[in-house]
Protein backbone atom coordinates (compact mmCIF):
# COMPACT_ATOMS: atom_id res chain seq x y z
CA MET A 1 85.14 -134.61 -132.86
CA ASP A 2 83.08 -137.95 -132.08
CA ASP A 3 81.42 -140.33 -133.83
CA PHE A 4 78.33 -139.05 -132.43
CA GLU A 5 79.20 -135.38 -133.60
CA LYS A 6 80.46 -136.67 -136.75
CA GLU A 7 76.65 -138.35 -137.32
CA LEU A 8 75.20 -135.04 -136.44
CA ALA A 9 76.91 -132.93 -138.90
CA LYS A 10 76.50 -134.92 -141.64
CA ASN A 11 72.47 -135.22 -140.78
CA LEU A 12 72.45 -131.77 -139.77
CA ARG A 13 73.01 -131.09 -143.91
CA ASP A 14 69.83 -132.38 -144.46
CA PRO A 15 66.92 -129.34 -143.94
CA GLU A 16 64.01 -131.72 -142.34
CA PHE A 17 66.47 -133.29 -140.00
CA LYS A 18 67.91 -129.64 -139.48
CA ALA A 19 64.12 -128.76 -138.50
CA GLU A 20 63.39 -131.09 -136.62
CA TRP A 21 66.63 -130.87 -134.49
CA ASP A 22 66.02 -127.03 -134.07
CA ALA A 23 62.73 -127.71 -132.95
CA ILE A 24 63.91 -129.68 -130.12
CA GLN A 25 66.32 -127.56 -129.24
CA PRO A 26 64.46 -125.33 -126.53
CA GLU A 27 63.34 -128.87 -124.68
CA LEU A 28 66.99 -130.16 -124.48
CA ALA A 29 68.22 -127.34 -123.25
CA ILE A 30 65.86 -127.23 -120.55
CA ALA A 31 66.82 -130.70 -119.61
CA GLN A 32 70.49 -129.52 -119.70
CA ALA A 33 70.20 -126.76 -117.40
CA MET A 34 67.92 -129.06 -114.85
CA ILE A 35 70.76 -131.21 -114.96
CA GLU A 36 73.42 -128.86 -114.67
CA ALA A 37 71.33 -127.27 -111.61
CA ARG A 38 70.75 -130.18 -109.88
CA GLU A 39 74.04 -131.22 -110.17
CA SER A 40 75.94 -128.15 -109.08
CA SER A 41 73.43 -128.27 -105.68
CA GLY A 42 74.73 -131.60 -104.99
CA MET A 43 71.58 -132.66 -105.81
CA THR A 44 70.70 -136.86 -106.54
CA GLN A 45 66.84 -136.83 -108.50
CA GLN A 46 65.81 -138.51 -105.04
CA LYS A 47 67.27 -135.79 -102.81
CA LEU A 48 65.73 -133.23 -105.19
CA ALA A 49 62.10 -135.08 -105.06
CA GLU A 50 62.08 -135.23 -101.19
CA ARG A 51 62.59 -131.39 -101.38
CA THR A 52 59.91 -130.75 -104.08
CA GLY A 53 57.43 -133.75 -103.65
CA ILE A 54 57.83 -134.35 -107.25
CA ALA A 55 58.06 -138.53 -107.48
CA GLN A 56 61.74 -139.21 -108.67
CA ALA A 57 60.45 -140.94 -111.86
CA ASP A 58 59.19 -137.56 -113.21
CA ILE A 59 62.20 -136.04 -112.46
CA SER A 60 64.34 -138.82 -114.44
CA LYS A 61 61.64 -137.95 -117.30
CA LEU A 62 62.26 -134.43 -117.30
CA GLU A 63 66.07 -134.90 -117.30
CA ARG A 64 65.60 -137.29 -120.20
CA GLY A 65 63.34 -134.95 -122.14
CA SER A 66 60.93 -137.08 -122.09
CA ALA A 67 57.73 -135.09 -120.56
CA ASN A 68 57.80 -131.23 -120.89
CA PRO A 69 57.46 -129.61 -117.36
CA SER A 70 54.95 -126.59 -116.91
CA VAL A 71 56.37 -123.11 -115.36
CA LYS A 72 55.04 -123.92 -112.12
CA THR A 73 56.78 -127.34 -112.32
CA LEU A 74 60.31 -125.83 -113.26
CA GLN A 75 59.50 -122.84 -110.20
CA ARG A 76 59.16 -125.94 -107.80
CA LEU A 77 62.56 -127.21 -108.78
CA ALA A 78 64.15 -124.57 -108.95
CA ALA A 79 62.77 -123.89 -105.34
CA GLY A 80 64.23 -127.30 -104.25
CA MET A 81 67.37 -126.69 -105.06
CA GLY A 82 67.49 -123.13 -103.75
CA MET A 83 67.23 -121.08 -106.75
CA LYS A 84 65.13 -119.51 -108.40
CA LEU A 85 64.00 -119.70 -111.89
CA ARG A 86 64.43 -117.30 -114.53
CA ILE A 87 63.40 -117.53 -118.53
CA GLU A 88 64.39 -115.21 -121.30
CA PHE A 89 63.81 -114.78 -124.70
CA GLN A 90 67.22 -113.78 -127.27
CA PRO A 91 67.19 -112.21 -130.74
CA ILE A 92 67.71 -114.92 -133.20
CA GLU A 93 71.27 -114.04 -134.63
CA SER A 94 70.09 -114.09 -138.08
CA ALA A 95 67.19 -111.69 -137.69
CA ARG A 96 69.27 -108.97 -136.48
CA PRO A 97 69.85 -106.20 -138.72
């Protein structure tokens, strides 16, 4: 376990920190999925920008989690990478009977 993971594990014991951490997870998951999709398609941010008409700086902001993309923007990005967008709802583990 690296220093970040140790510090995170410690901080997640604080209920306020954990609530904030949990709240940003969907945005972080979107950013990570975008990065992985772009990299798996062998594209740079610049190439994706050229294909989609979305500024490279805006793609960078999305990948850093500094901006929240609309579904329409996510669809444009997916199409630019030769992919389709799929959004799903998953049950919360603790909510299952």
